[in-house]
Each structure stands twice: as structure tokens, then as C-alpha cells.
C-alpha atoms as a PDB file:
ATOM      1  CA  MET A   1      25.958  15.878 -31.059  1.00  0.00           C
ATOM      2  CA  GLU A   2      23.058  16.200 -28.579  1.00  0.00           C
ATOM      3  CA  ILE A   3      22.561  13.264 -26.195  1.00  0.00           C
ATOM      4  CA  SER A   4      19.363  12.901 -24.135  1.00  0.00           C
ATOM      5  CA  ILE A   5      19.895  12.730 -20.387  1.00  0.00           C
ATOM      6  CA  PHE A   6      17.401  12.489 -17.587  1.00  0.00           C
ATOM      7  CA  GLN A   7      17.425  12.591 -13.779  1.00  0.00           C
ATOM      8  CA  VAL A   8      15.063  10.275 -11.990  1.00  0.00           C
ATOM      9  CA  ASP A   9      14.329   9.804  -8.321  1.00  0.00           C
ATOM     10  CA  ALA A  10      13.942   6.018  -7.894  1.00  0.00           C
ATOM     11  CA  PHE A  11      11.987   3.993  -5.251  1.00  0.00           C
ATOM     12  CA  THR A  12       9.703   6.927  -4.495  1.00  0.00           C
ATOM     13  CA  ILE A  13       6.846   8.905  -6.021  1.00  0.00           C
ATOM     14  CA  THR A  14       7.920  12.085  -4.172  1.00  0.00           C
ATOM     15  CA  PRO A  15      10.456  14.353  -5.903  1.00  0.00           C
ATOM     16  CA  PHE A  16      13.731  14.923  -4.056  1.00  0.00           C
ATOM     17  CA  SER A  17      13.437  11.700  -2.114  1.00  0.00           C
ATOM     18  CA  GLY A  18      14.368   8.134  -2.988  1.00  0.00           C
ATOM     19  CA  ASN A  19      17.647   7.599  -4.891  1.00  0.00           C
ATOM     20  CA  PRO A  20      18.458   9.972  -7.761  1.00  0.00           C
ATOM     21  CA  ALA A  21      19.978   8.468 -10.938  1.00  0.00           C
ATOM     22  CA  ALA A  22      21.043  10.008 -14.232  1.00  0.00           C
ATOM     23  CA  VAL A  23      19.963   8.137 -17.337  1.00  0.00           C
ATOM     24  CA  CYS A  24      21.827   8.790 -20.567  1.00  0.00           C
ATOM     25  CA  ILE A  25      20.466   7.394 -23.805  1.00  0.00           C
ATOM     26  CA  LEU A  26      23.256   7.049 -26.369  1.00  0.00           C
ATOM     27  CA  PRO A  27      22.717   7.064 -30.108  1.00  0.00           C
ATOM     28  CA  SER A  28      25.922   5.057 -30.522  1.00  0.00           C
ATOM     29  CA  ASN A  29      28.523   3.413 -28.286  1.00  0.00           C
ATOM     30  CA  ARG A  30      30.963   5.601 -26.300  1.00  0.00           C
ATOM     31  CA  GLN A  31      34.174   4.740 -24.503  1.00  0.00           C
ATOM     32  CA  ALA A  32      34.120   3.886 -20.799  1.00  0.00           C
ATOM     33  CA  GLU A  33      36.403   6.818 -20.045  1.00  0.00           C
ATOM     34  CA  TRP A  34      33.821   9.268 -21.555  1.00  0.00           C
ATOM     35  CA  MET A  35      31.055   7.606 -19.527  1.00  0.00           C
ATOM     36  CA  GLN A  36      33.052   8.006 -16.400  1.00  0.00           C
ATOM     37  CA  TYR A  37      33.614  11.666 -17.084  1.00  0.00           C
ATOM     38  CA  VAL A  38      29.784  12.154 -17.443  1.00  0.00           C
ATOM     39  CA  ALA A  39      29.142  10.232 -14.270  1.00  0.00           C
ATOM     40  CA  CYS A  40      31.625  12.362 -12.376  1.00  0.00           C
ATOM     41  CA  GLU A  41      29.974  15.531 -13.815  1.00  0.00           C
ATOM     42  CA  MET A  42      26.454  14.343 -12.750  1.00  0.00           C
ATOM     43  CA  ASN A  43      27.900  13.459  -9.263  1.00  0.00           C
ATOM     44  CA  LEU A  44      25.053  11.130  -8.398  1.00  0.00           C
ATOM     45  CA  SER A  45      25.438   7.699  -6.771  1.00  0.00           C
ATOM     46  CA  GLU A  46      24.909   6.257 -10.278  1.00  0.00           C
ATOM     47  CA  THR A  47      24.612   7.315 -13.921  1.00  0.00           C
ATOM     48  CA  ALA A  48      23.215   4.733 -16.344  1.00  0.00           C
ATOM     49  CA  PHE A  49      24.094   4.575 -19.949  1.00  0.00           C
ATOM     50  CA  LEU A  50      21.738   2.881 -22.475  1.00  0.00           C
ATOM     51  CA  ILE A  51      22.222   1.927 -26.093  1.00  0.00           C
ATOM     52  CA  HIS A  52      19.806  -0.099 -28.185  1.00  0.00           C
ATOM     53  CA  GLU A  53      21.091  -3.603 -28.694  1.00  0.00           C
ATOM     54  CA  GLN A  54      19.468  -6.728 -30.205  1.00  0.00           C
ATOM     55  CA  ASP A  55      15.849  -6.844 -28.746  1.00  0.00           C
ATOM     56  CA  GLY A  56      16.771  -4.688 -25.786  1.00  0.00           C
ATOM     57  CA  TYR A  57      19.285  -2.218 -24.363  1.00  0.00           C
ATOM     58  CA  ARG A  58      22.945  -2.532 -23.286  1.00  0.00           C
ATOM     59  CA  LEU A  59      23.066  -1.008 -19.834  1.00  0.00           C
ATOM     60  CA  ARG A  60      26.143   0.158 -17.882  1.00  0.00           C
ATOM     61  CA  TRP A  61      26.320   1.832 -14.479  1.00  0.00           C
ATOM     62  CA  PHE A  62      28.921   4.298 -13.223  1.00  0.00           C
ATOM     63  CA  THR A  63      29.392   5.915  -9.815  1.00  0.00           C
ATOM     64  CA  PRO A  64      31.348   9.232  -9.798  1.00  0.00           C
ATOM     65  CA  THR A  65      34.531   7.099  -9.462  1.00  0.00           C
ATOM     66  CA  THR A  66      34.059   3.692 -10.947  1.00  0.00           C
ATOM     67  CA  GLU A  67      31.881   1.260 -13.046  1.00  0.00           C
ATOM     68  CA  VAL A  68      29.844  -1.235 -11.065  1.00  0.00           C
ATOM     69  CA  ASN A  69      28.429  -4.685 -12.004  1.00  0.00           C
ATOM     70  CA  LEU A  70      24.870  -4.305 -10.643  1.00  0.00           C
ATOM     71  CA  CYS A  71      22.681  -1.322  -9.697  1.00  0.00           C
ATOM     72  CA  GLY A  72      19.057  -1.544  -8.789  1.00  0.00           C
ATOM     73  CA  HIS A  73      17.931   2.068  -8.542  1.00  0.00           C
ATOM     74  CA  ALA A  74      19.577   3.153 -11.787  1.00  0.00           C
ATOM     75  CA  THR A  75      17.990   0.136 -13.531  1.00  0.00           C
ATOM     76  CA  LEU A  76      14.641   1.212 -12.189  1.00  0.00           C
ATOM     77  CA  ALA A  77      15.296   4.773 -13.385  1.00  0.00           C
ATOM     78  CA  SER A  78      16.298   3.465 -16.828  1.00  0.00           C
ATOM     79  CA  ALA A  79      13.181   1.440 -17.189  1.00  0.00           C
ATOM     80  CA  PHE A  80      11.075   4.355 -15.961  1.00  0.00           C
ATOM     81  CA  VAL A  81      12.546   6.620 -18.699  1.00  0.00           C
ATOM     82  CA  LEU A  82      12.083   4.061 -21.448  1.00  0.00           C
ATOM     83  CA  TYR A  83       8.401   3.471 -20.516  1.00  0.00           C
ATOM     84  CA  GLU A  84       7.568   7.120 -19.642  1.00  0.00           C
ATOM     85  CA  LYS A  85       9.111   8.560 -22.889  1.00  0.00           C
ATOM     86  CA  GLU A  86       7.646   5.715 -24.987  1.00  0.00           C
ATOM     87  CA  TYR A  87      10.849   4.220 -26.197  1.00  0.00           C
ATOM     88  CA  VAL A  88       9.260   0.964 -25.058  1.00  0.00           C
ATOM     89  CA  ASP A  89       5.505   0.116 -24.826  1.00  0.00           C
ATOM     90  CA  CYS A  90       4.341  -0.217 -21.283  1.00  0.00           C
ATOM     91  CA  LYS A  91       2.950  -3.745 -22.107  1.00  0.00           C
ATOM     92  CA  ASN A  92       6.401  -4.999 -23.129  1.00  0.00           C
ATOM     93  CA  ILE A  93       9.225  -6.469 -21.094  1.00  0.00           C
ATOM     94  CA  ILE A  94      12.490  -4.609 -21.288  1.00  0.00           C
ATOM     95  CA  LYS A  95      15.667  -6.663 -21.666  1.00  0.00           C
ATOM     96  CA  PHE A  96      18.798  -5.110 -20.227  1.00  0.00           C
ATOM     97  CA  TYR A  97      22.114  -6.686 -21.261  1.00  0.00           C
ATOM     98  CA  THR A  98      24.608  -5.976 -18.476  1.00  0.00           C
ATOM     99  CA  SER A  99      27.959  -7.077 -17.067  1.00  0.00           C
ATOM    100  CA  GLY A 100      25.852  -8.744 -14.304  1.00  0.00           C
ATOM    101  CA  GLY A 101      23.906 -10.757 -16.790  1.00  0.00           C
ATOM    102  CA  LEU A 102      20.512 -10.343 -18.488  1.00  0.00           C
ATOM    103  CA  LEU A 103      17.980  -8.378 -16.497  1.00  0.00           C
ATOM    104  CA  GLN A 104      14.376  -8.402 -17.436  1.00  0.00           C
ATOM    105  CA  VAL A 105      11.988  -5.601 -16.297  1.00  0.00           C
ATOM    106  CA  ARG A 106       8.230  -5.222 -16.636  1.00  0.00           C
ATOM    107  CA  LYS A 107       5.606  -2.662 -15.633  1.00  0.00           C
ATOM    108  CA  LYS A 108       2.569  -3.708 -13.638  1.00  0.00           C
ATOM    109  CA  GLY A 109       0.258  -0.791 -12.924  1.00  0.00           C
ATOM    110  CA  LYS A 110       2.187   1.954 -11.160  1.00  0.00           C
ATOM    111  CA  TRP A 111       5.055  -0.405 -10.232  1.00  0.00           C
ATOM    112  CA  ILE A 112       8.107  -1.489 -12.132  1.00  0.00           C
ATOM    113  CA  TRP A 113       9.415  -4.971 -11.360  1.00  0.00           C
ATOM    114  CA  MET A 114      13.032  -5.961 -11.948  1.00  0.00           C
ATOM    115  CA  ASN A 115      14.094  -9.607 -12.103  1.00  0.00           C
ATOM    116  CA  PHE A 116      17.504  -9.687 -10.412  1.00  0.00           C
ATOM    117  CA  PRO A 117      19.973 -12.410  -9.253  1.00  0.00           C
ATOM    118  CA  ARG A 118      19.538 -13.729  -5.746  1.00  0.00           C
ATOM    119  CA  PHE A 119      22.473 -13.560  -3.304  1.00  0.00           C
ATOM    120  CA  ASP A 120      22.077 -15.860  -0.348  1.00  0.00           C
ATOM    121  CA  VAL A 121      24.047 -15.146   2.822  1.00  0.00           C
ATOM    122  CA  THR A 122      26.706 -17.070   4.748  1.00  0.00           C
ATOM    123  CA  GLU A 123      28.055 -16.963   8.278  1.00  0.00           C
ATOM    124  CA  PHE A 124      30.673 -14.321   8.938  1.00  0.00           C
ATOM    125  CA  THR A 125      32.726 -13.363  11.966  1.00  0.00           C
ATOM    126  CA  PRO A 126      33.260  -9.635  11.799  1.00  0.00           C
ATOM    127  CA  SER A 127      36.554  -8.024  12.726  1.00  0.00           C
ATOM    128  CA  THR A 128      36.559  -5.544  15.545  1.00  0.00           C
ATOM    129  CA  GLY A 129      37.278  -2.982  12.940  1.00  0.00           C
ATOM    130  CA  ILE A 130      33.913  -3.380  11.283  1.00  0.00           C
ATOM    131  CA  VAL A 131      32.046  -3.179  14.625  1.00  0.00           C
ATOM    132  CA  ASP A 132      34.158  -0.141  15.744  1.00  0.00           C
ATOM    133  CA  ALA A 133      33.558   1.648  12.454  1.00  0.00           C
ATOM    134  CA  LEU A 134      29.817   1.151  12.510  1.00  0.00           C
ATOM    135  CA  LYS A 135      29.599   1.961  16.242  1.00  0.00           C
ATOM    136  CA  VAL A 136      26.654  -0.516  16.740  1.00  0.00           C
ATOM    137  CA  LYS A 137      26.036  -3.714  18.718  1.00  0.00           C
ATOM    138  CA  PRO A 138      25.348  -6.476  16.193  1.00  0.00           C
ATOM    139  CA  LEU A 139      22.818  -9.238  16.771  1.00  0.00           C
ATOM    140  CA  HIS A 140      23.834 -11.126  13.651  1.00  0.00           C
ATOM    141  CA  VAL A 141      26.455 -10.548  10.969  1.00  0.00           C
ATOM    142  CA  LYS A 142      26.332 -12.269   7.534  1.00  0.00           C
ATOM    143  CA  LYS A 143      28.251 -12.058   4.312  1.00  0.00           C
ATOM    144  CA  SER A 144      26.922 -12.054   0.761  1.00  0.00           C
ATOM    145  CA  ASN A 145      29.479 -11.708  -2.080  1.00  0.00           C
ATOM    146  CA  GLU A 146      31.491  -8.632  -1.007  1.00  0.00           C
ATOM    147  CA  ASN A 147      28.681  -7.155   1.125  1.00  0.00           C
ATOM    148  CA  ILE A 148      28.215  -7.428   4.854  1.00  0.00           C
ATOM    149  CA  ILE A 149      24.820  -7.533   6.561  1.00  0.00           C
ATOM    150  CA  VAL A 150      24.724  -6.283  10.115  1.00  0.00           C
ATOM    151  CA  GLU A 151      21.401  -6.834  11.997  1.00  0.00           C
ATOM    152  CA  VAL A 152      20.889  -4.709  15.111  1.00  0.00           C
ATOM    153  CA  ALA A 153      18.172  -4.858  17.768  1.00  0.00           C
ATOM    154  CA  SER A 154      15.976  -1.928  16.703  1.00  0.00           C
ATOM    155  CA  GLU A 155      14.948   0.364  13.901  1.00  0.00           C
ATOM    156  CA  LYS A 156      16.046   3.236  16.150  1.00  0.00           C
ATOM    157  CA  GLU A 157      19.665   1.901  15.978  1.00  0.00           C
ATOM    158  CA  VAL A 158      19.539   1.771  12.190  1.00  0.00           C
ATOM    159  CA  ARG A 159      18.238   5.289  11.908  1.00  0.00           C
ATOM    160  CA  GLU A 160      20.768   6.745  14.407  1.00  0.00           C
ATOM    161  CA  CYS A 161      23.863   4.833  13.113  1.00  0.00           C
ATOM    162  CA  THR A 162      26.745   7.272  12.400  1.00  0.00           C
ATOM    163  CA  PRO A 163      29.603   5.090  11.061  1.00  0.00           C
ATOM    164  CA  ASP A 164      33.225   6.318  10.897  1.00  0.00           C
ATOM    165  CA  ILE A 165      33.687   6.277   7.129  1.00  0.00           C
ATOM    166  CA  LYS A 166      37.490   6.621   7.340  1.00  0.00           C
ATOM    167  CA  LYS A 167      37.665   3.492   9.486  1.00  0.00           C
ATOM    168  CA  LEU A 168      35.312   1.590   7.174  1.00  0.00           C
ATOM    169  CA  LEU A 169      37.629   2.422   4.186  1.00  0.00           C
ATOM    170  CA  ARG A 170      40.485   0.596   5.846  1.00  0.00           C
ATOM    171  CA  ILE A 171      38.493  -2.768   5.582  1.00  0.00           C
ATOM    172  CA  PRO A 172      38.400  -4.507   2.191  1.00  0.00           C
ATOM    173  CA  LEU A 173      34.672  -4.590   1.434  1.00  0.00           C
ATOM    174  CA  GLN A 174      32.216  -3.416  -1.298  1.00  0.00           C
ATOM    175  CA  GLY A 175      29.349  -2.387   0.980  1.00  0.00           C
ATOM    176  CA  VAL A 176      27.788  -2.699   4.435  1.00  0.00           C
ATOM    177  CA  ALA A 177      24.096  -2.922   5.174  1.00  0.00           C
ATOM    178  CA  ILE A 178      22.855  -2.243   8.690  1.00  0.00           C
ATOM    179  CA  THR A 179      19.318  -3.590   9.218  1.00  0.00           C
ATOM    180  CA  ALA A 180      16.547  -4.341  11.719  1.00  0.00           C
ATOM    181  CA  ARG A 181      12.868  -5.310  11.828  1.00  0.00           C
ATOM    182  CA  SER A 182      10.561  -2.408  11.143  1.00  0.00           C
ATOM    183  CA  THR A 183       8.230  -0.893  13.809  1.00  0.00           C
ATOM    184  CA  LEU A 184       5.635  -0.236  11.011  1.00  0.00           C
ATOM    185  CA  PRO A 185       3.098  -3.001  10.378  1.00  0.00           C
ATOM    186  CA  GLU A 186       3.172  -2.351   6.641  1.00  0.00           C
ATOM    187  CA  VAL A 187       6.968  -2.627   6.395  1.00  0.00           C
ATOM    188  CA  ASP A 188       8.955  -5.806   7.203  1.00  0.00           C
ATOM    189  CA  PHE A 189      12.443  -4.466   7.713  1.00  0.00           C
ATOM    190  CA  VAL A 190      14.521  -1.251   7.410  1.00  0.00           C
ATOM    191  CA  SER A 191      18.095  -0.850   6.348  1.00  0.00           C
ATOM    192  CA  ARG A 192      20.790   1.657   5.508  1.00  0.00           C
ATOM    193  CA  TYR A 193      23.703   1.017   3.121  1.00  0.00           C
ATOM    194  CA  PHE A 194      27.265   2.369   3.187  1.00  0.00           C
ATOM    195  CA  ALA A 195      29.682   1.967   0.263  1.00  0.00           C
ATOM    196  CA  PRO A 196      32.553   4.434   0.513  1.00  0.00           C
ATOM    197  CA  TRP A 197      34.798   1.992  -1.360  1.00  0.00           C
ATOM    198  CA  VAL A 198      33.014   2.902  -4.653  1.00  0.00           C
ATOM    199  CA  GLY A 199      32.710   6.607  -3.788  1.00  0.00           C
ATOM    200  CA  ILE A 200      29.301   6.554  -2.010  1.00  0.00           C
ATOM    201  CA  ASP A 201      29.487   7.125   1.709  1.00  0.00           C
ATOM    202  CA  GLU A 202      25.786   6.329   2.113  1.00  0.00           C
ATOM    203  CA  ASP A 203      23.501   5.273  -0.743  1.00  0.00           C
ATOM    204  CA  PRO A 204      19.978   6.675  -0.315  1.00  0.00           C
ATOM    205  CA  VAL A 205      18.052   3.563  -1.601  1.00  0.00           C
ATOM    206  CA  THR A 206      20.047   0.511  -2.783  1.00  0.00           C
ATOM    207  CA  GLY A 207      18.144  -1.958  -4.958  1.00  0.00           C
ATOM    208  CA  SER A 208      21.064  -4.373  -5.449  1.00  0.00           C
ATOM    209  CA  ALA A 209      21.603  -4.667  -1.632  1.00  0.00           C
ATOM    210  CA  HIS A 210      18.089  -6.072  -1.429  1.00  0.00           C
ATOM    211  CA  CYS A 211      19.201  -9.068  -3.566  1.00  0.00           C
ATOM    212  CA  CYS A 212      20.775 -10.322  -0.310  1.00  0.00           C
ATOM    213  CA  LEU A 213      18.684  -8.412   2.322  1.00  0.00           C
ATOM    214  CA  GLY A 214      15.525 -10.023   0.764  1.00  0.00           C
ATOM    215  CA  PRO A 215      16.735 -13.605   1.142  1.00  0.00           C
ATOM    216  CA  TYR A 216      18.077 -12.790   4.631  1.00  0.00           C
ATOM    217  CA  TRP A 217      14.862 -11.396   5.980  1.00  0.00           C
ATOM    218  CA  GLY A 218      12.725 -13.904   3.997  1.00  0.00           C
ATOM    219  CA  GLU A 219      14.455 -16.644   5.945  1.00  0.00           C
ATOM    220  CA  ARG A 220      14.185 -14.805   9.243  1.00  0.00           C
ATOM    221  CA  LEU A 221      10.521 -13.916   8.843  1.00  0.00           C
ATOM    222  CA  LYS A 222       9.485 -17.059   6.861  1.00  0.00           C
ATOM    223  CA  LYS A 223       8.100 -14.908   4.008  1.00  0.00           C
ATOM    224  CA  ASN A 224       8.488 -14.889   0.261  1.00  0.00           C
ATOM    225  CA  GLU A 225       7.073 -11.422  -0.204  1.00  0.00           C
ATOM    226  CA  LEU A 226       8.321  -8.493   1.768  1.00  0.00           C
ATOM    227  CA  VAL A 227       8.222  -4.717   1.934  1.00  0.00           C
ATOM    228  CA  ALA A 228      11.467  -2.878   2.843  1.00  0.00           C
ATOM    229  CA  TYR A 229      12.181   0.747   3.768  1.00  0.00           C
ATOM    230  CA  GLN A 230      15.663   2.152   3.332  1.00  0.00           C
ATOM    231  CA  ALA A 231      15.912   4.708   6.075  1.00  0.00           C
ATOM    232  CA  SER A 232      18.367   7.205   4.697  1.00  0.00           C
ATOM    233  CA  LYS A 233      17.632  10.964   4.865  1.00  0.00           C
ATOM    234  CA  ARG A 234      15.879  10.644   1.426  1.00  0.00           C
ATOM    235  CA  GLY A 235      14.294   7.199   2.124  1.00  0.00           C
ATOM    236  CA  GLY A 236      12.516   4.844  -0.252  1.00  0.00           C
ATOM    237  CA  ILE A 237      10.270   1.793  -0.503  1.00  0.00           C
ATOM    238  CA  ILE A 238      11.190  -1.510  -2.165  1.00  0.00           C
ATOM    239  CA  LYS A 239       8.893  -4.504  -2.641  1.00  0.00           C
ATOM    240  CA  ILE A 240      10.496  -7.909  -2.730  1.00  0.00           C
ATOM    241  CA  LYS A 241       9.401 -11.247  -4.134  1.00  0.00           C
ATOM    242  CA  LEU A 242      11.688 -14.297  -3.609  1.00  0.00           C
ATOM    243  CA  ASP A 243      11.713 -16.946  -6.315  1.00  0.00           C
ATOM    244  CA  ASN A 244      14.298 -19.775  -6.206  1.00  0.00           C
ATOM    245  CA  ASN A 245      17.555 -18.255  -7.519  1.00  0.00           C
ATOM    246  CA  ARG A 246      16.023 -14.862  -8.391  1.00  0.00           C
ATOM    247  CA  VAL A 247      14.839 -11.802  -6.466  1.00  0.00           C
ATOM    248  CA  LYS A 248      12.125  -9.587  -7.932  1.00  0.00           C
ATOM    249  CA  LEU A 249      12.359  -5.990  -6.796  1.00  0.00           C
ATOM    250  CA  GLY A 250       9.422  -3.589  -7.264  1.00  0.00           C
ATOM    251  CA  GLY A 251       9.688   0.174  -7.201  1.00  0.00           C
ATOM    252  CA  GLN A 252       8.232   3.425  -8.410  1.00  0.00           C
ATOM    253  CA  ALA A 253      10.004   6.511  -9.747  1.00  0.00           C
ATOM    254  CA  VAL A 254       9.484  10.158 -10.681  1.00  0.00           C
ATOM    255  CA  LEU A 255      11.166  12.275 -13.333  1.00  0.00           C
ATOM    256  CA  VAL A 256      12.924  15.371 -11.983  1.00  0.00           C
ATOM    257  CA  PHE A 257      14.377  16.877 -15.102  1.00  0.00           C
ATOM    258  CA  GLU A 258      15.431  16.117 -18.628  1.00  0.00           C
ATOM    259  CA  GLY A 259      17.901  17.816 -20.953  1.00  0.00           C
ATOM    260  CA  LYS A 260      20.720  17.413 -23.551  1.00  0.00           C
ATOM    261  CA  LEU A 261      24.422  16.801 -23.271  1.00  0.00           C
ATOM    262  CA  LEU A 262      25.846  19.414 -25.693  1.00  0.00           C
ATOM    263  CA  ILE A 263      29.024  17.520 -26.505  1.00  0.00           C
END
């Protein structure tokens, strides 16, 4: 049986930048174990699996080592493929049924907008282990679900951060975002995201992290619409709109290759 699979660079319009995701469109359901094997074979931060369901698609995301409950860039990549390959008309909303709830996505011009849950932040006193592992001087530290947000004084500190991944792994977390105000007038804040606990030392561009970074910086900057840049080596732009208990994330994407799984 041949199964269509695509690789998409998300949150960018430039090939080989942004965050790469594999998108696998299934003709029928497959076991999670098989999906995990494929994700390991693709060896990208996320592989998305789609199967037509009701009036939308069942969507699951796998890193090379585990299934996750929410992934922004692989959702963007999935929607891009469905629109680009005309599985779905560009005028229509896509409904994704996921373990993280119903996600609705629409295309507006060149941008794809994803309606995601909003994760507000709470106060958090970091252990010396987190600070030592990141090797930075925090201005503020907050917590959102299992993610930690560490604000530092400058964009330069974000870009030059070289965390000790082995030390980070000793701390029970899901992900750590290091962030600062941007030096560019067209960008509000920059960040980087580390998640070795799920097999990703550094994620190139992390949509789901902006479900908490957006509200954090929205409050700090008193803005409901923001532009973020994730300053990994590959880099990518995310637009953010805050709306009560939801966060709308906007991004672009580019198709790198498509093929068939011959299994």
C-alpha cells in the first residue's frame, strides 16, 4: 500500500528554514506503534498523521520518541498540505480533531491562521538547576502548564544561549522557552525553545510555545496582536492574536518534497 507523505518547512517561506515537519495522509487508521516507527524514520521534530474523519481530519503528532498533545508547526504543515494539494478548498475552514481538542484553521491570503488554546502564565520560583543549566541571568521566570518561560535582558542573550542539555534533563519539565524583547521594530519579541524531554534538544520554531509566550508578552507589552521571531539557527516568524481563552497563530509554509511510503 502506498501512503502519501510530505515534508514542509513551517513558519517560513524560505526552504530549509523554519521548522520542518512530515505530514502523512492515511487512507485508513494505523496503530500508534506504526506511527511512532514512521516518526522515528523521518527523524524530524514532529511527524503529523491525518485521516479523514466526520467533517474534518483526525490529527496526531509524534516526535522521534513520543506522541505529543499539541504541536503548532506540524498543524500548520498539515493545513498547508491540505490546501496546497486541494484536499480542502482554500475558502473552507479545516477542522482538526486532536487529543488537545478541536483545532480550527483557515487560510487568509498567504497566511494560515490556527485557533489554539490559550495558556496563561503563573509565578514560578526556579531552582538553581534550571538557571545553571540555561547559563543565563533571568529577569522573570514564569510557568505555564509544564513549560517554563525565562525572560532575559536582551535579544543577544537569547541568541547566544548555550544550555547544558544533560543538566536540563535532570529537571522534570516539558519545555523551556528563553525570551526577550526584540531589537527589530517589526518584531515584538524573540525566543528559543528547548525540549530534550521529548527528544528535541532545540525546536527550530515552536507554535505551541506561543500559546503561552503570546499571553505573556501581550500582558508585558499591553498588546493583543504581536509578531514573534524564534531565533534558532533555522528561524521563523509567528503572528499572534490574543482573544479571551484562545490564541490565534499565523504562519506561512513551503513544501520541500513529497513522496510515497512503500509499506
